[in-house]
């Protein structure tokens, strides 16, 4: 019974926590970047997130990855996503682009992905 309660609590809290953390990222970048280099700021942010999510994973007794190769895949995705995507966002904000405009541009990513996924590839062979 306790497991269902924990899972239910996590299912209700996770979306709210995600939206709160995601939306404050651009605000934090706007106010933090005048005082620190973008990639140092991201590194500090990642360490704090690692601690927070590690604690939540243990607290809610979530399962770890089962296959060792999954850790490598997760690491590659994490590096590409965070260094490429967030690194670009923080670099743009540090270069003077307004945080709101940056958020608007990167928020178009799912829409553009959906649009481009409907385009049929042309067979040139």
Protein backbone atom coordinates (compact mmCIF):
# COMPACT_ATOMS: atom_id res chain seq x y z
CA UNK A 1 0.00 0.00 0.00
CA UNK A 2 2.84 2.36 0.83
CA UNK A 3 4.33 1.86 -2.64
CA UNK A 4 1.09 2.95 -4.33
CA UNK A 5 0.89 6.06 -2.15
CA UNK A 6 4.49 6.97 -2.97
CA UNK A 7 3.95 6.38 -6.68
CA UNK A 8 0.74 8.42 -6.62
CA UNK A 9 2.48 11.28 -4.80
CA UNK A 10 5.34 11.20 -7.29
CA UNK A 11 2.91 11.15 -10.23
CA UNK A 12 1.14 14.24 -8.85
CA UNK A 13 4.22 16.21 -7.80
CA UNK A 14 6.60 15.44 -10.69
CA UNK A 15 4.82 17.52 -13.37
CA UNK A 16 4.55 20.52 -11.05
CA UNK A 17 8.20 20.22 -10.03
CA UNK A 18 9.25 19.89 -13.67
CA UNK A 19 7.35 23.02 -14.75
CA UNK A 20 8.70 25.00 -11.78
CA UNK A 21 12.31 23.98 -12.39
CA UNK A 22 12.10 24.33 -16.18
CA UNK A 23 10.49 27.77 -16.12
CA UNK A 24 12.91 29.18 -13.56
CA UNK A 25 15.92 28.06 -15.61
CA UNK A 26 15.66 30.99 -18.01
CA UNK A 27 15.10 33.45 -15.18
CA UNK A 28 18.09 32.06 -13.29
CA UNK A 29 20.21 32.33 -16.42
CA UNK A 30 19.16 35.95 -16.93
CA UNK A 31 20.13 37.00 -13.42
CA UNK A 32 23.09 34.68 -12.88
CA UNK A 33 25.02 35.07 -16.12
CA UNK A 34 26.17 38.66 -15.59
CA UNK A 35 28.16 37.35 -12.60
CA UNK A 36 29.56 34.04 -13.83
CA UNK A 37 30.73 32.37 -17.06
CA UNK A 38 27.89 30.38 -18.72
CA UNK A 39 29.47 26.93 -18.62
CA UNK A 40 30.62 27.34 -15.01
CA UNK A 41 27.06 28.34 -14.14
CA UNK A 42 25.69 25.28 -15.95
CA UNK A 43 28.18 23.01 -14.18
CA UNK A 44 27.08 24.29 -10.79
CA UNK A 45 23.45 23.89 -11.80
CA UNK A 46 24.05 20.30 -12.94
CA UNK A 47 25.74 19.35 -9.67
CA UNK A 48 22.81 20.78 -7.69
CA UNK A 49 20.31 18.94 -9.89
CA UNK A 50 22.29 15.72 -9.53
CA UNK A 51 22.11 16.00 -5.76
CA UNK A 52 18.39 16.85 -5.79
CA UNK A 53 17.36 14.12 -8.25
CA UNK A 54 19.62 11.56 -6.58
CA UNK A 55 17.96 12.29 -3.25
CA UNK A 56 14.48 12.07 -4.80
CA UNK A 57 15.36 8.79 -6.52
CA UNK A 58 16.46 7.30 -3.21
CA UNK A 59 13.55 8.83 -1.27
CA UNK A 60 10.93 7.47 -3.66
CA UNK A 61 12.84 4.18 -4.07
CA UNK A 62 12.89 4.37 -7.83
CA UNK A 63 14.64 1.58 -9.74
CA UNK A 64 18.07 2.14 -11.23
CA UNK A 65 18.93 1.19 -14.80
CA UNK A 66 19.22 -2.57 -15.20
CA UNK A 67 21.71 -2.90 -18.05
CA UNK A 68 25.19 -1.38 -17.93
CA UNK A 69 24.93 -0.23 -21.57
CA UNK A 70 21.91 1.89 -20.55
CA UNK A 71 24.20 4.04 -18.38
CA UNK A 72 26.36 4.81 -21.42
CA UNK A 73 23.33 5.66 -23.54
CA UNK A 74 21.96 7.91 -20.81
CA UNK A 75 25.31 9.64 -20.44
CA UNK A 76 25.56 10.33 -24.18
CA UNK A 77 22.03 11.71 -24.34
CA UNK A 78 22.64 13.81 -21.23
CA UNK A 79 25.85 15.30 -22.57
CA UNK A 80 24.33 16.10 -25.97
CA UNK A 81 21.13 17.48 -24.55
CA UNK A 82 22.62 19.54 -21.79
CA UNK A 83 25.85 20.71 -23.35
CA UNK A 84 24.31 21.32 -26.75
CA UNK A 85 20.86 22.56 -25.88
CA UNK A 86 21.35 24.29 -22.52
CA UNK A 87 24.90 25.31 -23.35
CA UNK A 88 23.56 27.09 -26.42
CA UNK A 89 20.77 28.72 -24.41
CA UNK A 90 23.12 29.99 -21.70
CA UNK A 91 25.67 31.13 -24.29
CA UNK A 92 22.96 33.08 -26.16
CA UNK A 93 21.70 34.75 -22.99
CA UNK A 94 25.26 35.56 -21.94
CA UNK A 95 25.79 37.09 -25.41
CA UNK A 96 22.88 39.47 -24.88
CA UNK A 97 19.83 37.66 -26.23
CA UNK A 98 16.84 38.28 -23.93
CA UNK A 99 15.89 35.26 -21.80
CA UNK A 100 12.26 35.47 -22.92
CA UNK A 101 13.19 35.37 -26.61
CA UNK A 102 15.56 32.50 -25.99
CA UNK A 103 12.81 30.59 -24.19
CA UNK A 104 10.40 31.26 -27.05
CA UNK A 105 12.85 30.06 -29.70
CA UNK A 106 13.81 26.83 -27.92
CA UNK A 107 10.16 26.16 -27.08
CA UNK A 108 9.52 25.84 -30.81
CA UNK A 109 11.70 22.72 -30.89
CA UNK A 110 8.82 20.21 -30.37
CA UNK A 111 6.65 21.99 -32.94
CA UNK A 112 9.44 22.04 -35.52
CA UNK A 113 10.26 18.40 -34.80
CA UNK A 114 6.63 17.46 -35.43
CA UNK A 115 6.53 19.49 -38.64
CA UNK A 116 9.80 18.09 -39.98
CA UNK A 117 8.77 14.53 -39.07
CA UNK A 118 5.92 14.76 -41.58
CA UNK A 119 8.24 15.59 -44.48
CA UNK A 120 8.87 12.51 -46.61
CA UNK A 121 12.49 11.76 -47.39
CA UNK A 122 13.53 11.78 -51.02
CA UNK A 123 15.23 8.66 -52.30
CA UNK A 124 18.23 9.78 -54.37
CA UNK A 125 19.67 6.31 -54.89
